[in-house]
Each structure stands twice: as C-alpha cells, then as structure tokens.
Amino acid sequence: MDVSAWEAMAAWYDAKQGDEGDLWHRTLIDPALLRVVGPVQGQRLLDLACGNGYLARCFARMGARVTAVDASAAMIERARLRERESPLGIVYHVADTARLDALDDAGMDIAVCNMALMDIDDAAGTIGQVARVLRPGGRFVASLSHPCFDVVNASAWVIERIDFTTTVWRKVSRYRECFAGRVPWHDGADHVGHTPAYHRPLSWYVRALRAAEFVLTALEEPEPTGEFLAASSSGPWIAEIPLHCVIEARRDA
C-alpha cells in the first residue's frame, strides 16, 4: 500500500483534524457514525486507518479499550504524541489494514473505519482481516464516500440557473466500474496535494462483506447538522443528495 502522499501530508492533516475532527467530520459524518456505533463502555475497539487518532481518543473517552492502526508512520507518530501529552491508554500500531499481523484472532468486540475504506487499495483484504480479529457476533462500522453519489474523479455538482430559479444536480459517471483515482487537498496556501482513492460500486462492498461472513445490519446516509448547514455552502446540496454513507455489519457467530 502506497502511503507516501499521506506521509507528506501528516503534519497538515493532524492540524486540520485536531482533537475533535474538522468541520466535515465533526458536524456531518461523525454524528451518524457515532449513532450507529452506540455505547462502547468496556468494549475492545479497533480504529482502522486512524489518522491522527482523534476518533480513537473519542472512543477512549467513552470508555472503550482502544487499539488503533494506520499504514502511515508519520500519522501514527502524531497520534502517539497526542497520547503522550494526554494519556488515554490507546495502543497504536503502524500497519497495513489488510495485514493486521500484530492483532490476535477474535480479540476485538467492534471495529470502526472512518472515511478510509475508499482510500485503501486492498479493501477486500482489510474486510477479511476485520472478520478475523472480531469475535463472533462482533460489529464492523465503516463510514465512506457514498459509492452512488461521490465517485472519485467521475462525479460533480451541476448548478443550473434559469430566470430566478437555481437547481443543483449531482452528475455521476463510471458508477459500475472499479477504478483508482486521485483526491485533491489544499494542504497549504499555494499547494494542492493528492491522495489515492478507489471507486467501487455499493454492491461490491456488500459482496465483500458477505464473502467475509458478515451480515449487513445497517446503512445510514449522514444528514447535515445545523452547524454544518450554517458553515458550509455545500450543506443544502448534501441535505438533498448524500455524499457519505455509514455501514454496519455483524460477524456471523
């Protein structure tokens, strides 16, 4: 897995996410994700592709026993620095999510992957590893770019103005294909960085979960909160057409 782009952006991404997540995570994506995850007091929780660890820290404060992994050593170093400054008992590993060799079989009650499955080249391998490390009946909760409406490099907002009426549409192409793309990030005043992303149709994720002996138990499409609507010009558009989804699947007993 090529993580060089994330390595280069680690300091900027850590500052952007801080300790609570940026606007899009904190006020649009995370409320739905946390609602699906529910109470985690006393549970063994795995945070996959944890980035700077802001969500791992959230779960630890909720009472979970958290293990967190990310393929980027620079990201994990940022997360460990925050752990040293404010210890919460989180154990961090640098690891490819499709090769969780440091984790025991059936050692976790719940695994969470926040906005990362679409960034992982071997997502099927990752789902298989999650199945291995979850106990029978354990849950996997993942948020991701909505495969139906947010197709990397092949979807866009279309704004039409006729007389005094403005209509916003979502244009999508190449939906049924599986392909790699690049996501642009304004990671500095005059610099745009890019990270890899992988589009797969929604049916691909369902098949991959079933192949790993998961049962799909929930599918949510995060709606903008009042704070997001007030702060983002995209809020009213996303209120009509969701750009993210949250999937919950349970490991067959």
Protein backbone atom coordinates (compact mmCIF):
# COMPACT_ATOMS: atom_id res chain seq x y z
CA MET A 1 0.00 0.00 0.00
CA ASP A 2 1.45 3.36 -1.07
CA VAL A 3 1.14 5.82 1.81
CA SER A 4 3.75 8.33 0.65
CA ALA A 5 1.14 11.02 -0.06
CA TRP A 6 -0.33 10.69 3.43
CA GLU A 7 3.15 10.70 4.94
CA ALA A 8 3.88 14.02 3.25
CA MET A 9 0.58 15.49 4.48
CA ALA A 10 0.70 14.18 8.06
CA ALA A 11 1.52 17.45 9.82
CA TRP A 12 -1.10 19.39 7.86
CA TYR A 13 -3.74 16.67 8.34
CA ASP A 14 -3.07 16.46 12.08
CA ALA A 15 -3.54 20.22 12.41
CA LYS A 16 -6.71 20.08 10.30
CA GLN A 17 -8.32 17.29 12.32
CA GLY A 18 -7.08 18.43 15.72
CA ASP A 19 -8.62 16.63 18.68
CA GLU A 20 -12.26 16.71 17.53
CA GLY A 21 -12.17 16.35 13.75
CA ASP A 22 -12.63 19.02 11.10
CA LEU A 23 -15.97 20.57 10.17
CA TRP A 24 -16.96 17.81 7.74
CA HIS A 25 -16.15 15.01 10.16
CA ARG A 26 -17.36 16.65 13.39
CA THR A 27 -20.66 18.07 12.10
CA LEU A 28 -21.60 15.90 9.12
CA ILE A 29 -20.06 12.42 9.15
CA ASP A 30 -19.26 11.60 12.79
CA PRO A 31 -22.72 12.18 14.31
CA ALA A 32 -24.19 9.39 12.14
CA LEU A 33 -21.16 7.16 12.66
CA LEU A 34 -21.26 7.53 16.45
CA ARG A 35 -25.01 6.92 16.47
CA VAL A 36 -24.51 3.60 14.67
CA VAL A 37 -21.55 2.60 16.86
CA GLY A 38 -23.52 3.34 20.04
CA PRO A 39 -22.19 2.82 23.59
CA VAL A 40 -18.68 1.35 23.75
CA GLN A 41 -18.01 1.33 27.52
CA GLY A 42 -15.72 -1.60 28.33
CA GLN A 43 -15.55 -2.86 24.75
CA ARG A 44 -12.35 -3.76 22.90
CA LEU A 45 -12.43 -1.40 19.94
CA LEU A 46 -10.23 -1.29 16.84
CA ASP A 47 -9.89 2.01 14.97
CA LEU A 48 -8.74 1.21 11.43
CA ALA A 49 -6.85 3.82 9.39
CA CYS A 50 -6.98 6.06 12.45
CA GLY A 51 -5.05 9.03 11.03
CA ASN A 52 -4.06 11.36 13.86
CA GLY A 53 -6.23 9.37 16.30
CA TYR A 54 -8.90 11.96 17.06
CA LEU A 55 -11.69 9.38 16.82
CA ALA A 56 -9.69 6.79 18.77
CA ARG A 57 -9.43 9.35 21.57
CA CYS A 58 -13.16 9.99 21.38
CA PHE A 59 -13.87 6.28 21.84
CA ALA A 60 -11.34 6.01 24.67
CA ARG A 61 -13.07 8.88 26.49
CA MET A 62 -16.33 6.95 26.05
CA GLY A 63 -14.79 4.05 27.97
CA ALA A 64 -13.58 1.74 25.20
CA ARG A 65 -10.26 -0.12 25.30
CA VAL A 66 -8.87 1.16 22.03
CA THR A 67 -6.30 -0.23 19.63
CA ALA A 68 -5.67 1.93 16.55
CA VAL A 69 -3.75 1.25 13.34
CA ASP A 70 -2.67 3.27 10.34
CA ALA A 71 -0.33 2.50 7.46
CA SER A 72 1.35 5.90 7.76
CA ALA A 73 4.17 6.01 10.31
CA ALA A 74 4.02 9.80 10.30
CA MET A 75 0.32 9.74 11.18
CA ILE A 76 0.89 7.25 13.98
CA GLU A 77 3.70 9.38 15.37
CA ARG A 78 1.30 12.35 15.53
CA ALA A 79 -1.28 10.15 17.28
CA ARG A 80 1.29 8.82 19.75
CA LEU A 81 2.43 12.37 20.53
CA ARG A 82 -1.13 13.30 21.47
CA GLU A 83 -1.36 10.12 23.57
CA ARG A 84 1.84 11.04 25.43
CA GLU A 85 0.50 14.53 26.10
CA SER A 86 -2.91 13.29 27.32
CA PRO A 87 -2.75 9.54 28.06
CA LEU A 88 -5.93 7.55 27.42
CA GLY A 89 -4.44 4.06 27.21
CA ILE A 90 -4.68 3.80 23.42
CA VAL A 91 -2.32 1.31 21.75
CA TYR A 92 -1.17 2.41 18.28
CA HIS A 93 0.35 0.24 15.53
CA VAL A 94 1.83 1.11 12.16
CA ALA A 95 0.21 -1.50 9.92
CA ASP A 96 -1.37 -2.06 6.55
CA THR A 97 -5.06 -2.61 7.33
CA ALA A 98 -5.01 -5.69 5.07
CA ARG A 99 -2.19 -7.21 7.17
CA LEU A 100 -3.06 -6.87 10.85
CA ASP A 101 -0.39 -9.34 11.98
CA ALA A 102 0.01 -7.70 15.42
CA LEU A 103 -3.62 -8.41 16.35
CA ASP A 104 -4.97 -11.70 17.67
CA ASP A 105 -7.86 -13.65 16.21
CA ALA A 106 -11.25 -12.77 17.73
CA GLY A 107 -9.65 -10.18 20.02
CA MET A 108 -11.98 -7.26 19.29
CA ASP A 109 -15.64 -6.54 20.03
CA ILE A 110 -16.04 -3.78 17.44
CA ALA A 111 -14.00 -2.35 14.57
CA VAL A 112 -14.51 1.15 13.17
CA CYS A 113 -13.15 2.54 9.91
CA ASN A 114 -13.95 6.22 9.46
CA MET A 115 -13.76 7.60 5.90
CA ALA A 116 -10.96 5.29 4.79
CA LEU A 117 -12.22 2.14 3.03
CA MET A 118 -12.38 4.02 -0.28
CA ASP A 119 -8.72 5.08 0.24
CA ILE A 120 -7.46 1.51 0.77
CA ASP A 121 -6.31 -0.37 -2.30
CA ASP A 122 -6.93 -3.83 -0.80
CA ALA A 123 -10.29 -3.13 0.79
CA ALA A 124 -11.34 -6.77 0.43
CA GLY A 125 -8.23 -7.86 2.34
CA THR A 126 -8.99 -5.26 5.01
CA ILE A 127 -12.55 -6.53 5.42
CA GLY A 128 -11.19 -10.09 5.68
CA GLN A 129 -8.74 -9.04 8.41
CA VAL A 130 -11.52 -7.27 10.30
CA ALA A 131 -13.52 -10.50 10.21
CA ARG A 132 -10.51 -12.37 11.63
CA VAL A 133 -9.86 -10.02 14.56
CA LEU A 134 -13.53 -9.62 15.56
CA ARG A 135 -15.11 -12.05 17.98
CA PRO A 136 -18.17 -13.97 16.73
CA GLY A 137 -21.06 -11.51 16.81
CA GLY A 138 -18.67 -8.53 16.76
CA ARG A 139 -19.55 -5.46 14.71
CA PHE A 140 -17.81 -3.60 11.92
CA VAL A 141 -18.89 0.03 11.37
CA ALA A 142 -17.46 1.99 8.44
CA SER A 143 -18.16 5.41 7.00
CA LEU A 144 -17.08 6.11 3.44
CA SER A 145 -17.67 8.29 0.44
CA HIS A 146 -21.07 7.30 -0.91
CA PRO A 147 -20.35 4.96 -3.85
CA CYS A 148 -23.57 6.02 -5.59
CA PHE A 149 -23.04 9.78 -5.48
CA ASP A 150 -19.37 10.54 -4.75
CA VAL A 151 -17.41 8.77 -7.46
CA VAL A 152 -13.77 9.84 -7.39
CA ASN A 153 -12.90 11.96 -10.45
CA ALA A 154 -16.24 11.00 -12.04
CA SER A 155 -18.92 12.99 -10.16
CA ALA A 156 -19.67 16.66 -9.64
CA TRP A 157 -22.29 19.20 -8.65
CA VAL A 158 -24.10 20.78 -11.59
CA ILE A 159 -25.72 24.15 -10.93
CA GLU A 160 -28.38 25.41 -13.34
CA ARG A 161 -29.87 28.89 -13.16
CA ILE A 162 -32.95 29.68 -15.20
CA ASP A 163 -34.55 33.07 -14.62
CA PHE A 164 -34.76 33.35 -10.80
CA THR A 165 -34.56 29.61 -10.07
CA THR A 166 -31.40 27.70 -9.15
CA THR A 167 -31.35 23.91 -9.36
CA VAL A 168 -28.50 21.72 -8.16
CA TRP A 169 -27.95 18.25 -9.61
CA ARG A 170 -25.40 15.53 -8.89
CA LYS A 171 -23.72 14.24 -12.04
CA VAL A 172 -22.25 10.71 -11.84
CA SER A 173 -20.45 8.56 -14.37
CA ARG A 174 -18.50 5.27 -14.36
CA TYR A 175 -20.54 4.02 -11.39
CA ARG A 176 -20.32 0.30 -12.20
CA GLU A 177 -16.55 0.35 -12.75
CA CYS A 178 -13.89 -0.33 -10.15
CA PHE A 179 -11.04 2.09 -10.71
CA ALA A 180 -8.37 4.18 -8.99
CA GLY A 181 -8.42 7.97 -8.82
CA ARG A 182 -6.79 10.86 -7.00
CA VAL A 183 -8.33 13.18 -4.40
CA PRO A 184 -7.02 16.77 -4.30
CA TRP A 185 -6.34 18.51 -0.98
CA HIS A 186 -5.49 22.17 -0.38
CA ASP A 187 -2.74 21.34 2.09
CA GLY A 188 -1.13 24.77 2.03
CA ALA A 189 -1.77 28.31 0.81
CA ASP A 190 -0.37 27.64 -2.66
CA HIS A 191 -0.14 23.87 -2.77
CA VAL A 192 -2.55 21.10 -3.73
CA GLY A 193 -1.64 17.58 -2.66
CA HIS A 194 -3.25 14.37 -3.93
CA THR A 195 -4.01 11.06 -2.26
CA PRO A 196 -5.11 7.82 -3.95
CA ALA A 197 -8.73 6.69 -3.80
CA TYR A 198 -10.62 3.73 -5.22
CA HIS A 199 -14.17 3.69 -6.51
CA ARG A 200 -16.21 0.53 -6.11
CA PRO A 201 -20.00 0.26 -6.54
CA LEU A 202 -22.11 -0.27 -3.44
CA SER A 203 -22.79 -3.87 -4.45
CA TRP A 204 -19.04 -4.54 -4.35
CA TYR A 205 -18.92 -3.66 -0.64
CA VAL A 206 -21.94 -5.85 0.12
CA ARG A 207 -20.39 -8.80 -1.71
CA ALA A 208 -17.04 -8.29 0.06
CA LEU A 209 -18.77 -8.22 3.46
CA ARG A 210 -20.73 -11.37 2.69
CA ALA A 211 -17.57 -13.14 1.45
CA ALA A 212 -16.00 -12.39 4.84
CA GLU A 213 -19.09 -13.86 6.59
CA PHE A 214 -20.55 -10.54 7.69
CA VAL A 215 -24.27 -9.81 7.81
CA LEU A 216 -25.22 -6.25 6.85
CA THR A 217 -27.28 -4.77 9.69
CA ALA A 218 -27.46 -1.01 8.98
CA LEU A 219 -26.96 1.52 6.21
CA GLU A 220 -27.21 5.22 7.03
CA GLU A 221 -26.65 8.34 4.92
CA PRO A 222 -25.42 11.20 7.15
CA GLU A 223 -27.53 14.36 7.02
CA PRO A 224 -26.03 17.82 7.63
CA THR A 225 -26.36 19.13 11.16
CA GLY A 226 -27.40 22.71 11.81
CA GLU A 227 -23.77 23.65 12.42
CA PHE A 228 -22.73 22.19 9.07
CA LEU A 229 -25.56 23.91 7.23
CA ALA A 230 -24.53 27.23 8.76
CA ALA A 231 -20.83 26.81 7.99
CA SER A 232 -20.70 25.10 4.59
CA SER A 233 -22.13 26.28 1.29
CA SER A 234 -22.49 22.61 0.34
CA GLY A 235 -24.88 21.97 3.21
CA PRO A 236 -28.18 22.50 1.37
CA TRP A 237 -26.98 20.34 -1.52
CA ILE A 238 -25.87 17.48 0.72
CA ALA A 239 -29.20 17.73 2.55
CA GLU A 240 -30.75 16.54 -0.73
CA ILE A 241 -28.05 14.20 -2.04
CA PRO A 242 -25.78 12.41 0.49
CA LEU A 243 -22.06 12.21 -0.26
CA HIS A 244 -21.33 9.74 2.57
CA CYS A 245 -22.76 6.55 3.99
CA VAL A 246 -22.28 4.51 7.15
CA ILE A 247 -22.39 0.71 7.01
CA GLU A 248 -22.74 -1.65 9.95
CA ALA A 249 -22.11 -5.36 9.58
CA ARG A 250 -22.08 -8.13 12.19
CA ARG A 251 -19.67 -11.04 12.20
CA ASP A 252 -21.52 -14.34 11.88
CA ALA A 253 -21.37 -16.28 15.12
